Amino acid sequence: MAFSAMVARESDSGIELKREEVDHDFLGAGTVTIKVHYSSANYKDALAITPRGGVVREYPIIPGIDLTGEVASSEDPAFAPGDLVVAHGYDIGVAHHGGFAEYARVPAEWVVKLEGLTPREAAALGTAGFTAAMSVQALLDRGLTPESGPVLVTGATGGVGSVAVDMLAALGFEVVASTGKTDAGDRLAELGANSVIGRLPEDPDAKIRPLAKAQWAGAVDSVGGRSLAYILSSIRYGGAVAVSGLTGGPELPTTVMPFILRGVALLGVDSAHMPIGPRRDLWARMSKDLKPQHLSSVENYSPITEAPAVLRSIMDGTHSGRTVFGVAGAF
C-alpha cells in the first residue's frame, strides 16, 4: 500500500525535501508500525535538509525526529493496534525514517505509550519539551527548590527554553528569561517568566570574568558558547546549569573557578539516547506535575507539506516556540 511522505534527497543543487509516494517496504526494519498523526519542527530536522548539516548518515531520509500517533500493527505484545504513542530520539529522522510521513516503523524499545497527553500535546512537547523536562528534572535532582532563588532560562523563545519557562513557573520558581527577541516579553510573561532580559553577556565582546556577581540559583541553557561561560561565572554557590544546546557555539571559554570556588555543577542533558525505561517514566511525569500549563501558547500549527519553509525559518533564526506538523489528512 502506497502512502505519502516528505522525503529528503540529495541533488546537484543541495538537499530537497519533497512529497513522494512510498510503500511500507521503504520504511525499513522495526516491530511497531505507527499511523502518524503529528510530528514537529526541530533544529535537527532543519540540519537534516541543510547541506553538510552533519546529522543524516545517508539519503534519502524521511526526516522528523518526533512522531506521535496510533499503533497500526505491532509484533511486540506490549503494544496493540489503536494504542496512542510517541517516539523520538535514537536514530529517528537521521538514520531511520522519521515522522514526516503517514506511517512510521520503529523498534518497540523506542516507543512510549501515551497516558494523560493527546498525540497533539505530545508532539507540541516532542524532543524539545522532553529536553526541557530532563533539564528541569536535573536541577530538581541537584536539590534546587523555589526557595533557592531565581532560575535563568536562555534561548527562552525556542522550543526547549519556552517549555522550560512554563515548567519552572508551574513549579513555583522565579524565572528569568533571556532572549534576543525584543518583542517576546509579553509572550514569555504569559508563560510565567517573572522578568525578561536580553542575550548574555550583554556586551558580546566583553571579556568574561572567571567569577562575576552571583545572580542565579540555577539555569537551563540551550545556547552554550560564551553565553554558558558567562552564566557559569554568575551562578550562586552550590547552584547548577543544565545544558543541552550549542547555538552559541561548541567552545566553552571558562575556567575551573565556578566549580572549585562556588561548587557549581554543569549538568549535561542528552535526550537522544536516554534509555527507554527512564524515558517512559519522564513522559509519565510530563503528563502530571511537569505538564506545561500554557502549551497552546507555545505551539504553532502547520500542515506537514509546509515543513520546508518552517525548517528554513529555524535555520535563519526567525522561528519561535514549537511548530506542530499535522500529518494525518494533511497530504
C-alpha atoms as a PDB file:
ATOM      1  CA  MET A   1       0.000   0.000   0.000  1.00  0.00           C
ATOM      2  CA  ALA A   2       1.407   3.353  -1.041  1.00  0.00           C
ATOM      3  CA  PHE A   3       1.260   6.402   1.233  1.00  0.00           C
ATOM      4  CA  SER A   4       2.588   9.953   1.275  1.00  0.00           C
ATOM      5  CA  ALA A   5       5.841  11.076   2.833  1.00  0.00           C
ATOM      6  CA  MET A   6       8.124  14.099   2.817  1.00  0.00           C
ATOM      7  CA  VAL A   7      11.425  12.656   1.598  1.00  0.00           C
ATOM      8  CA  ALA A   8      14.779  14.443   1.690  1.00  0.00           C
ATOM      9  CA  ARG A   9      17.105  13.605  -1.192  1.00  0.00           C
ATOM     10  CA  GLU A  10      20.465  14.937  -2.249  1.00  0.00           C
ATOM     11  CA  SER A  11      20.662  16.667  -5.622  1.00  0.00           C
ATOM     12  CA  ASP A  12      23.130  18.808  -7.524  1.00  0.00           C
ATOM     13  CA  SER A  13      21.502  21.897  -6.010  1.00  0.00           C
ATOM     14  CA  GLY A  14      21.647  20.672  -2.427  1.00  0.00           C
ATOM     15  CA  ILE A  15      19.084  18.723  -0.414  1.00  0.00           C
ATOM     16  CA  GLU A  16      15.441  18.817  -1.457  1.00  0.00           C
ATOM     17  CA  LEU A  17      12.516  17.910   0.803  1.00  0.00           C
ATOM     18  CA  LYS A  18       9.505  16.961  -1.291  1.00  0.00           C
ATOM     19  CA  ARG A  19       6.330  14.934  -1.092  1.00  0.00           C
ATOM     20  CA  GLU A  20       6.599  11.431  -2.531  1.00  0.00           C
ATOM     21  CA  GLU A  21       4.502   8.296  -2.659  1.00  0.00           C
ATOM     22  CA  VAL A  22       6.317   5.403  -0.974  1.00  0.00           C
ATOM     23  CA  ASP A  23       5.347   1.932   0.227  1.00  0.00           C
ATOM     24  CA  HIS A  24       5.793   0.197   3.544  1.00  0.00           C
ATOM     25  CA  ASP A  25       8.947  -1.594   2.363  1.00  0.00           C
ATOM     26  CA  PHE A  26      10.580   1.843   2.135  1.00  0.00           C
ATOM     27  CA  LEU A  27      10.287   2.241   5.932  1.00  0.00           C
ATOM     28  CA  GLY A  28      12.810  -0.462   6.737  1.00  0.00           C
ATOM     29  CA  ALA A  29      13.077  -2.563   9.884  1.00  0.00           C
ATOM     30  CA  GLY A  30      11.005  -2.219  13.050  1.00  0.00           C
ATOM     31  CA  THR A  31       8.477  -4.059  15.182  1.00  0.00           C
ATOM     32  CA  VAL A  32       5.837  -1.341  15.639  1.00  0.00           C
ATOM     33  CA  THR A  33       4.135   0.390  12.699  1.00  0.00           C
ATOM     34  CA  ILE A  34       2.563   3.721  13.640  1.00  0.00           C
ATOM     35  CA  LYS A  35      -0.032   5.743  11.775  1.00  0.00           C
ATOM     36  CA  VAL A  36       1.428   9.188  12.309  1.00  0.00           C
ATOM     37  CA  HIS A  37      -0.911  11.938  13.492  1.00  0.00           C
ATOM     38  CA  TYR A  38       1.645  14.661  14.212  1.00  0.00           C
ATOM     39  CA  SER A  39       5.324  15.441  14.006  1.00  0.00           C
ATOM     40  CA  SER A  40       7.127  18.685  14.853  1.00  0.00           C
ATOM     41  CA  ALA A  41       9.889  21.053  13.775  1.00  0.00           C
ATOM     42  CA  ASN A  42      13.283  20.732  15.438  1.00  0.00           C
ATOM     43  CA  TYR A  43      16.747  22.131  14.811  1.00  0.00           C
ATOM     44  CA  LYS A  44      17.975  18.631  13.965  1.00  0.00           C
ATOM     45  CA  ASP A  45      15.232  18.333  11.316  1.00  0.00           C
ATOM     46  CA  ALA A  46      16.439  21.601   9.821  1.00  0.00           C
ATOM     47  CA  LEU A  47      20.007  20.287   9.778  1.00  0.00           C
ATOM     48  CA  ALA A  48      18.732  17.152   8.012  1.00  0.00           C
ATOM     49  CA  ILE A  49      17.828  19.233   4.951  1.00  0.00           C
ATOM     50  CA  THR A  50      20.877  21.505   5.156  1.00  0.00           C
ATOM     51  CA  PRO A  51      23.962  20.666   3.065  1.00  0.00           C
ATOM     52  CA  ARG A  52      26.752  19.482   5.376  1.00  0.00           C
ATOM     53  CA  GLY A  53      24.271  19.586   8.259  1.00  0.00           C
ATOM     54  CA  GLY A  54      26.109  16.651   9.765  1.00  0.00           C
ATOM     55  CA  VAL A  55      23.185  14.701  11.234  1.00  0.00           C
ATOM     56  CA  VAL A  56      21.951  12.404   8.446  1.00  0.00           C
ATOM     57  CA  ARG A  57      24.001   9.310   7.760  1.00  0.00           C
ATOM     58  CA  GLU A  58      22.578   8.509   4.327  1.00  0.00           C
ATOM     59  CA  TYR A  59      19.998   9.927   1.956  1.00  0.00           C
ATOM     60  CA  PRO A  60      17.180   9.541   1.061  1.00  0.00           C
ATOM     61  CA  ILE A  61      15.645  10.007   4.512  1.00  0.00           C
ATOM     62  CA  ILE A  62      12.205  10.812   5.847  1.00  0.00           C
ATOM     63  CA  PRO A  63      13.006  13.480   8.476  1.00  0.00           C
ATOM     64  CA  GLY A  64      11.045  14.031  11.655  1.00  0.00           C
ATOM     65  CA  ILE A  65      12.812  13.191  14.913  1.00  0.00           C
ATOM     66  CA  ASP A  66       9.441  13.351  16.720  1.00  0.00           C
ATOM     67  CA  LEU A  67       6.312  11.418  15.867  1.00  0.00           C
ATOM     68  CA  THR A  68       3.031  10.740  17.601  1.00  0.00           C
ATOM     69  CA  GLY A  69       0.022   8.730  16.543  1.00  0.00           C
ATOM     70  CA  GLU A  70      -1.641   5.357  16.923  1.00  0.00           C
ATOM     71  CA  VAL A  71      -0.273   1.863  16.554  1.00  0.00           C
ATOM     72  CA  ALA A  72      -1.328   0.329  13.245  1.00  0.00           C
ATOM     73  CA  SER A  73       0.328  -3.043  13.883  1.00  0.00           C
ATOM     74  CA  SER A  74       2.828  -4.489  16.332  1.00  0.00           C
ATOM     75  CA  GLU A  75       4.985  -7.583  16.625  1.00  0.00           C
ATOM     76  CA  ASP A  76       5.548  -6.752  20.308  1.00  0.00           C
ATOM     77  CA  PRO A  77       2.780  -7.710  22.768  1.00  0.00           C
ATOM     78  CA  ALA A  78       3.381  -4.516  24.757  1.00  0.00           C
ATOM     79  CA  PHE A  79       1.596  -2.559  22.020  1.00  0.00           C
ATOM     80  CA  ALA A  80      -1.745  -3.159  20.357  1.00  0.00           C
ATOM     81  CA  PRO A  81      -3.456  -1.542  17.360  1.00  0.00           C
ATOM     82  CA  GLY A  82      -5.091   1.702  18.449  1.00  0.00           C
ATOM     83  CA  ASP A  83      -2.633   2.460  21.261  1.00  0.00           C
ATOM     84  CA  LEU A  84      -1.668   6.140  21.291  1.00  0.00           C
ATOM     85  CA  VAL A  85       2.106   6.518  21.323  1.00  0.00           C
ATOM     86  CA  VAL A  86       5.056   8.868  20.946  1.00  0.00           C
ATOM     87  CA  ALA A  87       8.525   8.062  19.632  1.00  0.00           C
ATOM     88  CA  HIS A  88      11.529  10.349  19.397  1.00  0.00           C
ATOM     89  CA  GLY A  89      15.303  10.336  19.616  1.00  0.00           C
ATOM     90  CA  TYR A  90      17.556   7.346  18.960  1.00  0.00           C
ATOM     91  CA  ASP A  91      18.078   7.172  15.154  1.00  0.00           C
ATOM     92  CA  ILE A  92      14.640   8.504  14.217  1.00  0.00           C
ATOM     93  CA  GLY A  93      14.774  11.045  11.406  1.00  0.00           C
ATOM     94  CA  VAL A  94      18.555  10.854  10.952  1.00  0.00           C
ATOM     95  CA  ALA A  95      19.444   7.194  10.310  1.00  0.00           C
ATOM     96  CA  HIS A  96      15.939   5.687  10.488  1.00  0.00           C
ATOM     97  CA  HIS A  97      12.921   7.093   8.653  1.00  0.00           C
ATOM     98  CA  GLY A  98      11.005   9.516  10.860  1.00  0.00           C
ATOM     99  CA  GLY A  99       7.711  11.258  11.378  1.00  0.00           C
ATOM    100  CA  PHE A 100       7.243  13.320   8.201  1.00  0.00           C
ATOM    101  CA  ALA A 101       5.087  10.568   6.664  1.00  0.00           C
ATOM    102  CA  GLU A 102       1.695   8.977   7.066  1.00  0.00           C
ATOM    103  CA  TYR A 103       3.326   5.869   8.545  1.00  0.00           C
ATOM    104  CA  ALA A 104       6.488   5.126  10.506  1.00  0.00           C
ATOM    105  CA  ARG A 105       8.021   1.831  11.600  1.00  0.00           C
ATOM    106  CA  VAL A 106      10.342   1.708  14.627  1.00  0.00           C
ATOM    107  CA  PRO A 107      11.603  -0.795  17.209  1.00  0.00           C
ATOM    108  CA  ALA A 108       9.255  -1.297  20.154  1.00  0.00           C
ATOM    109  CA  GLU A 109      12.025  -0.245  22.546  1.00  0.00           C
ATOM    110  CA  TRP A 110      11.845   3.273  21.074  1.00  0.00           C
ATOM    111  CA  VAL A 111       8.104   3.687  21.710  1.00  0.00           C
ATOM    112  CA  VAL A 112       6.325   5.301  24.676  1.00  0.00           C
ATOM    113  CA  LYS A 113       2.637   4.699  25.312  1.00  0.00           C
ATOM    114  CA  LEU A 114       0.778   7.956  25.948  1.00  0.00           C
ATOM    115  CA  GLU A 115      -1.196   8.431  29.156  1.00  0.00           C
ATOM    116  CA  GLY A 116      -2.657  11.809  30.097  1.00  0.00           C
ATOM    117  CA  LEU A 117      -1.472  13.514  26.914  1.00  0.00           C
ATOM    118  CA  THR A 118      -3.077  13.684  23.489  1.00  0.00           C
ATOM    119  CA  PRO A 119      -0.936  12.987  20.399  1.00  0.00           C
ATOM    120  CA  ARG A 120      -1.036  16.685  19.543  1.00  0.00           C
ATOM    121  CA  GLU A 121       0.116  17.677  23.049  1.00  0.00           C
ATOM    122  CA  ALA A 122       2.896  15.103  22.879  1.00  0.00           C
ATOM    123  CA  ALA A 123       4.003  16.491  19.503  1.00  0.00           C
ATOM    124  CA  ALA A 124       3.960  20.035  20.879  1.00  0.00           C
ATOM    125  CA  LEU A 125       6.309  18.811  23.598  1.00  0.00           C
ATOM    126  CA  GLY A 126       8.373  16.471  21.442  1.00  0.00           C
ATOM    127  CA  THR A 127      12.149  16.329  21.725  1.00  0.00           C
ATOM    128  CA  ALA A 128      12.369  19.981  22.776  1.00  0.00           C
ATOM    129  CA  GLY A 129       9.814  19.588  25.557  1.00  0.00           C
ATOM    130  CA  PHE A 130      11.383  16.333  26.661  1.00  0.00           C
ATOM    131  CA  THR A 131      14.793  18.033  26.784  1.00  0.00           C
ATOM    132  CA  ALA A 132      13.272  20.837  28.846  1.00  0.00           C
ATOM    133  CA  ALA A 133      11.790  18.265  31.231  1.00  0.00           C
ATOM    134  CA  MET A 134      15.159  16.496  31.523  1.00  0.00           C
ATOM    135  CA  SER A 135      16.793  19.845  32.293  1.00  0.00           C
ATOM    136  CA  VAL A 136      14.252  20.765  34.955  1.00  0.00           C
ATOM    137  CA  GLN A 137      14.473  17.281  36.468  1.00  0.00           C
ATOM    138  CA  ALA A 138      18.281  17.565  36.582  1.00  0.00           C
ATOM    139  CA  LEU A 139      18.014  20.808  38.568  1.00  0.00           C
ATOM    140  CA  LEU A 140      15.460  19.271  40.925  1.00  0.00           C
ATOM    141  CA  ASP A 141      17.690  16.220  41.441  1.00  0.00           C
ATOM    142  CA  ARG A 142      20.522  18.618  42.277  1.00  0.00           C
ATOM    143  CA  GLY A 143      18.366  19.912  45.121  1.00  0.00           C
ATOM    144  CA  LEU A 144      17.115  23.227  43.701  1.00  0.00           C
ATOM    145  CA  THR A 145      13.821  24.461  45.116  1.00  0.00           C
ATOM    146  CA  PRO A 146      11.879  27.683  44.586  1.00  0.00           C
ATOM    147  CA  GLU A 147      13.446  28.918  47.823  1.00  0.00           C
ATOM    148  CA  SER A 148      16.931  28.545  46.304  1.00  0.00           C
ATOM    149  CA  GLY A 149      16.486  31.673  44.221  1.00  0.00           C
ATOM    150  CA  PRO A 150      15.849  32.713  40.610  1.00  0.00           C
ATOM    151  CA  VAL A 151      16.472  30.325  37.729  1.00  0.00           C
ATOM    152  CA  LEU A 152      17.711  31.628  34.383  1.00  0.00           C
ATOM    153  CA  VAL A 153      16.455  30.192  31.068  1.00  0.00           C
ATOM    154  CA  THR A 154      18.422  31.082  27.931  1.00  0.00           C
ATOM    155  CA  GLY A 155      17.079  30.853  24.398  1.00  0.00           C
ATOM    156  CA  ALA A 156      13.744  31.394  26.089  1.00  0.00           C
ATOM    157  CA  THR A 157      11.665  31.758  22.912  1.00  0.00           C
ATOM    158  CA  GLY A 158      12.983  28.500  21.452  1.00  0.00           C
ATOM    159  CA  GLY A 159      11.434  25.075  21.878  1.00  0.00           C
ATOM    160  CA  VAL A 160      13.482  23.985  24.901  1.00  0.00           C
ATOM    161  CA  GLY A 161      13.523  27.424  26.505  1.00  0.00           C
ATOM    162  CA  SER A 162       9.823  28.227  26.203  1.00  0.00           C
ATOM    163  CA  VAL A 163       8.743  24.877  27.653  1.00  0.00           C
ATOM    164  CA  ALA A 164      11.336  25.166  30.442  1.00  0.00           C
ATOM    165  CA  VAL A 165       9.976  28.612  31.390  1.00  0.00           C
ATOM    166  CA  ASP A 166       6.475  27.155  31.577  1.00  0.00           C
ATOM    167  CA  MET A 167       7.517  24.102  33.604  1.00  0.00           C
ATOM    168  CA  LEU A 168       9.656  26.032  36.092  1.00  0.00           C
ATOM    169  CA  ALA A 169       6.967  28.675  36.635  1.00  0.00           C
ATOM    170  CA  ALA A 170       4.372  25.971  37.275  1.00  0.00           C
ATOM    171  CA  LEU A 171       6.672  24.505  39.940  1.00  0.00           C
ATOM    172  CA  GLY A 172       6.844  27.866  41.696  1.00  0.00           C
ATOM    173  CA  PHE A 173      10.308  29.041  40.629  1.00  0.00           C
ATOM    174  CA  GLU A 174      11.170  32.663  39.947  1.00  0.00           C
ATOM    175  CA  VAL A 175      12.088  32.524  36.258  1.00  0.00           C
ATOM    176  CA  VAL A 176      14.373  34.964  34.438  1.00  0.00           C
ATOM    177  CA  ALA A 177      14.006  34.516  30.677  1.00  0.00           C
ATOM    178  CA  SER A 178      16.897  35.501  28.391  1.00  0.00           C
ATOM    179  CA  THR A 179      16.219  36.111  24.685  1.00  0.00           C
ATOM    180  CA  GLY A 180      17.469  38.142  21.779  1.00  0.00           C
ATOM    181  CA  LYS A 181      13.931  38.757  20.528  1.00  0.00           C
ATOM    182  CA  THR A 182      12.982  42.190  21.831  1.00  0.00           C
ATOM    183  CA  ASP A 183       9.255  41.719  21.159  1.00  0.00           C
ATOM    184  CA  ALA A 184       8.920  38.484  23.169  1.00  0.00           C
ATOM    185  CA  GLY A 185       8.338  39.972  26.626  1.00  0.00           C
ATOM    186  CA  ASP A 186       4.557  39.625  26.735  1.00  0.00           C
ATOM    187  CA  ARG A 187       4.648  36.074  25.422  1.00  0.00           C
ATOM    188  CA  LEU A 188       7.269  34.988  27.959  1.00  0.00           C
ATOM    189  CA  ALA A 189       5.357  36.689  30.770  1.00  0.00           C
ATOM    190  CA  GLU A 190       2.287  34.709  29.723  1.00  0.00           C
ATOM    191  CA  LEU A 191       4.345  31.513  30.084  1.00  0.00           C
ATOM    192  CA  GLY A 192       5.261  32.534  33.636  1.00  0.00           C
ATOM    193  CA  ALA A 193       8.548  34.429  33.345  1.00  0.00           C
ATOM    194  CA  ASN A 194       8.961  36.922  36.187  1.00  0.00           C
ATOM    195  CA  SER A 195      11.411  39.034  34.183  1.00  0.00           C
ATOM    196  CA  VAL A 196      12.828  39.100  30.662  1.00  0.00           C
ATOM    197  CA  ILE A 197      16.385  40.120  29.785  1.00  0.00           C
ATOM    198  CA  GLY A 198      18.441  40.186  26.595  1.00  0.00           C
ATOM    199  CA  ARG A 199      21.120  37.798  25.432  1.00  0.00           C
ATOM    200  CA  LEU A 200      24.043  37.138  27.751  1.00  0.00           C
ATOM    201  CA  PRO A 201      26.589  38.544  28.154  1.00  0.00           C
ATOM    202  CA  GLU A 202      25.038  41.936  27.421  1.00  0.00           C
ATOM    203  CA  ASP A 203      28.269  43.067  25.736  1.00  0.00           C
ATOM    204  CA  PRO A 204      29.075  40.242  23.287  1.00  0.00           C
ATOM    205  CA  ASP A 205      32.697  41.384  23.014  1.00  0.00           C
ATOM    206  CA  ALA A 206      33.377  41.821  26.735  1.00  0.00           C
ATOM    207  CA  LYS A 207      35.918  39.605  28.435  1.00  0.00           C
ATOM    208  CA  ILE A 208      34.204  37.013  30.610  1.00  0.00           C
ATOM    209  CA  ARG A 209      35.497  37.101  34.175  1.00  0.00           C
ATOM    210  CA  PRO A 210      36.226  33.784  35.919  1.00  0.00           C
ATOM    211  CA  LEU A 211      33.758  34.802  38.643  1.00  0.00           C
ATOM    212  CA  ALA A 212      31.124  37.501  38.240  1.00  0.00           C
ATOM    213  CA  LYS A 213      28.380  38.671  40.578  1.00  0.00           C
ATOM    214  CA  ALA A 214      26.402  35.630  41.762  1.00  0.00           C
ATOM    215  CA  GLN A 215      22.862  36.088  40.479  1.00  0.00           C
ATOM    216  CA  TRP A 216      21.069  32.813  39.761  1.00  0.00           C
ATOM    217  CA  ALA A 217      20.489  29.640  41.732  1.00  0.00           C
ATOM    218  CA  GLY A 218      20.381  27.617  38.544  1.00  0.00           C
ATOM    219  CA  ALA A 219      19.940  27.814  34.800  1.00  0.00           C
ATOM    220  CA  VAL A 220      18.535  25.922  31.835  1.00  0.00           C
ATOM    221  CA  ASP A 221      20.839  26.687  28.914  1.00  0.00           C
ATOM    222  CA  SER A 222      20.289  25.761  25.273  1.00  0.00           C
ATOM    223  CA  VAL A 223      22.830  28.231  23.877  1.00  0.00           C
ATOM    224  CA  GLY A 224      26.300  27.174  25.053  1.00  0.00           C
ATOM    225  CA  GLY A 225      29.410  29.059  23.973  1.00  0.00           C
ATOM    226  CA  ARG A 226      30.296  32.401  25.568  1.00  0.00           C
ATOM    227  CA  SER A 227      26.792  32.676  26.992  1.00  0.00           C
ATOM    228  CA  LEU A 228      27.268  29.492  29.004  1.00  0.00           C
ATOM    229  CA  ALA A 229      30.689  30.664  30.205  1.00  0.00           C
ATOM    230  CA  TYR A 230      29.136  33.912  31.463  1.00  0.00           C
ATOM    231  CA  ILE A 231      26.282  32.049  33.155  1.00  0.00           C
ATOM    232  CA  LEU A 232      28.662  29.691  34.965  1.00  0.00           C
ATOM    233  CA  SER A 233      30.545  32.685  36.335  1.00  0.00           C
ATOM    234  CA  SER A 234      27.254  34.134  37.658  1.00  0.00           C
ATOM    235  CA  ILE A 235      25.692  31.106  39.387  1.00  0.00           C
ATOM    236  CA  ARG A 236      25.286  31.247  43.143  1.00  0.00           C
ATOM    237  CA  TYR A 237      27.159  28.947  45.495  1.00  0.00           C
ATOM    238  CA  GLY A 238      26.032  25.331  45.089  1.00  0.00           C
ATOM    239  CA  GLY A 239      23.941  26.091  42.017  1.00  0.00           C
ATOM    240  CA  ALA A 240      23.772  24.209  38.734  1.00  0.00           C
ATOM    241  CA  VAL A 241      23.355  24.683  34.996  1.00  0.00           C
ATOM    242  CA  ALA A 242      21.586  22.106  32.827  1.00  0.00           C
ATOM    243  CA  VAL A 243      22.978  22.489  29.299  1.00  0.00           C
ATOM    244  CA  SER A 244      21.521  20.944  26.149  1.00  0.00           C
ATOM    245  CA  GLY A 245      22.469  23.127  23.178  1.00  0.00           C
ATOM    246  CA  LEU A 246      25.207  24.874  21.257  1.00  0.00           C
ATOM    247  CA  THR A 247      23.542  27.512  19.105  1.00  0.00           C
ATOM    248  CA  GLY A 248      26.137  29.902  20.553  1.00  0.00           C
ATOM    249  CA  GLY A 249      28.948  27.552  19.517  1.00  0.00           C
ATOM    250  CA  PRO A 250      30.666  24.460  20.944  1.00  0.00           C
ATOM    251  CA  GLU A 251      33.545  26.313  22.587  1.00  0.00           C
ATOM    252  CA  LEU A 252      33.351  26.949  26.339  1.00  0.00           C
ATOM    253  CA  PRO A 253      35.777  29.746  27.325  1.00  0.00           C
ATOM    254  CA  THR A 254      35.606  29.332  31.073  1.00  0.00           C
ATOM    255  CA  THR A 255      37.860  28.386  33.995  1.00  0.00           C
ATOM    256  CA  VAL A 256      37.586  25.939  36.872  1.00  0.00           C
ATOM    257  CA  MET A 257      36.785  28.818  39.253  1.00  0.00           C
ATOM    258  CA  PRO A 258      32.962  28.430  39.332  1.00  0.00           C
ATOM    259  CA  PHE A 259      33.363  24.729  40.055  1.00  0.00           C
ATOM    260  CA  ILE A 260      36.026  24.807  42.769  1.00  0.00           C
ATOM    261  CA  LEU A 261      35.162  28.110  44.491  1.00  0.00           C
ATOM    262  CA  ARG A 262      31.359  28.090  44.293  1.00  0.00           C
ATOM    263  CA  GLY A 263      30.639  24.381  43.918  1.00  0.00           C
ATOM    264  CA  VAL A 264      28.713  24.965  40.688  1.00  0.00           C
ATOM    265  CA  ALA A 265      27.614  21.872  38.758  1.00  0.00           C
ATOM    266  CA  LEU A 266      27.435  21.628  34.961  1.00  0.00           C
ATOM    267  CA  LEU A 267      24.767  19.068  34.091  1.00  0.00           C
ATOM    268  CA  GLY A 268      24.812  17.704  30.541  1.00  0.00           C
ATOM    269  CA  VAL A 269      21.425  16.855  29.011  1.00  0.00           C
ATOM    270  CA  ASP A 270      21.110  14.420  26.080  1.00  0.00           C
ATOM    271  CA  SER A 271      17.617  13.321  25.132  1.00  0.00           C
ATOM    272  CA  ALA A 272      18.505  11.316  22.016  1.00  0.00           C
ATOM    273  CA  HIS A 273      19.893   8.235  23.726  1.00  0.00           C
ATOM    274  CA  MET A 274      18.180   8.224  27.112  1.00  0.00           C
ATOM    275  CA  PRO A 275      17.249   4.581  27.915  1.00  0.00           C
ATOM    276  CA  ILE A 276      13.631   3.693  27.316  1.00  0.00           C
ATOM    277  CA  GLY A 277      12.788   2.945  30.980  1.00  0.00           C
ATOM    278  CA  PRO A 278      13.648   6.393  32.341  1.00  0.00           C
ATOM    279  CA  ARG A 279      12.262   7.895  29.137  1.00  0.00           C
ATOM    280  CA  ARG A 280       8.853   6.355  29.755  1.00  0.00           C
ATOM    281  CA  ASP A 281       8.964   7.432  33.414  1.00  0.00           C
ATOM    282  CA  LEU A 282       9.698  11.044  32.473  1.00  0.00           C
ATOM    283  CA  TRP A 283       6.915  11.115  29.874  1.00  0.00           C
ATOM    284  CA  ALA A 284       4.565   9.977  32.650  1.00  0.00           C
ATOM    285  CA  ARG A 285       5.695  12.975  34.762  1.00  0.00           C
ATOM    286  CA  MET A 286       5.219  15.267  31.770  1.00  0.00           C
ATOM    287  CA  SER A 287       1.541  14.359  31.811  1.00  0.00           C
ATOM    288  CA  LYS A 288       1.296  15.250  35.512  1.00  0.00           C
ATOM    289  CA  ASP A 289       3.417  17.609  37.629  1.00  0.00           C
ATOM    290  CA  LEU A 290       5.775  18.553  34.775  1.00  0.00           C
ATOM    291  CA  LYS A 291       2.994  19.210  32.261  1.00  0.00           C
ATOM    292  CA  PRO A 292       3.318  22.776  30.929  1.00  0.00           C
ATOM    293  CA  GLN A 293       0.382  24.991  31.826  1.00  0.00           C
ATOM    294  CA  HIS A 294       0.449  27.048  28.615  1.00  0.00           C
ATOM    295  CA  LEU A 295       1.293  24.509  25.939  1.00  0.00           C
ATOM    296  CA  SER A 296      -1.162  26.026  23.470  1.00  0.00           C
ATOM    297  CA  SER A 297       0.682  29.356  23.743  1.00  0.00           C
ATOM    298  CA  VAL A 298       3.963  27.677  22.794  1.00  0.00           C
ATOM    299  CA  GLU A 299       2.500  25.688  19.909  1.00  0.00           C
ATOM    300  CA  ASN A 300       2.209  26.791  16.287  1.00  0.00           C
ATOM    301  CA  TYR A 301       0.419  24.517  13.794  1.00  0.00           C
ATOM    302  CA  SER A 302       1.337  23.825  10.173  1.00  0.00           C
ATOM    303  CA  PRO A 303       0.455  21.012   7.762  1.00  0.00           C
ATOM    304  CA  ILE A 304       3.423  18.758   7.054  1.00  0.00           C
ATOM    305  CA  THR A 305       3.572  19.984   3.454  1.00  0.00           C
ATOM    306  CA  GLU A 306       4.838  23.327   4.800  1.00  0.00           C
ATOM    307  CA  ALA A 307       7.814  21.674   6.509  1.00  0.00           C
ATOM    308  CA  PRO A 308      10.451  23.013   4.064  1.00  0.00           C
ATOM    309  CA  ALA A 309       9.527  26.646   4.789  1.00  0.00           C
ATOM    310  CA  VAL A 310       9.269  26.107   8.553  1.00  0.00           C
ATOM    311  CA  LEU A 311      12.637  24.357   8.727  1.00  0.00           C
ATOM    312  CA  ARG A 312      14.240  27.181   6.756  1.00  0.00           C
ATOM    313  CA  SER A 313      12.888  29.633   9.361  1.00  0.00           C
ATOM    314  CA  ILE A 314      14.699  27.646  12.055  1.00  0.00           C
ATOM    315  CA  MET A 315      17.991  27.957  10.200  1.00  0.00           C
ATOM    316  CA  ASP A 316      17.600  31.708   9.601  1.00  0.00           C
ATOM    317  CA  GLY A 317      16.702  32.385  13.250  1.00  0.00           C
ATOM    318  CA  THR A 318      13.132  33.637  12.763  1.00  0.00           C
ATOM    319  CA  HIS A 319      11.344  30.635  14.278  1.00  0.00           C
ATOM    320  CA  SER A 320       9.859  30.756  17.794  1.00  0.00           C
ATOM    321  CA  GLY A 321       8.125  28.264  20.054  1.00  0.00           C
ATOM    322  CA  ARG A 322       7.123  24.789  18.943  1.00  0.00           C
ATOM    323  CA  THR A 323       5.684  24.093  15.492  1.00  0.00           C
ATOM    324  CA  VAL A 324       3.465  21.017  15.329  1.00  0.00           C
ATOM    325  CA  PHE A 325       3.101  19.439  11.903  1.00  0.00           C
ATOM    326  CA  GLY A 326      -0.248  17.861  11.169  1.00  0.00           C
ATOM    327  CA  VAL A 327       0.385  14.674   9.200  1.00  0.00           C
ATOM    328  CA  ALA A 328      -2.849  12.686   9.177  1.00  0.00           C
ATOM    329  CA  GLY A 329      -5.044  14.106   6.414  1.00  0.00           C
ATOM    330  CA  ALA A 330      -2.550  16.824   5.513  1.00  0.00           C
ATOM    331  CA  PHE A 331      -1.245  15.378   2.236  1.00  0.00           C
END
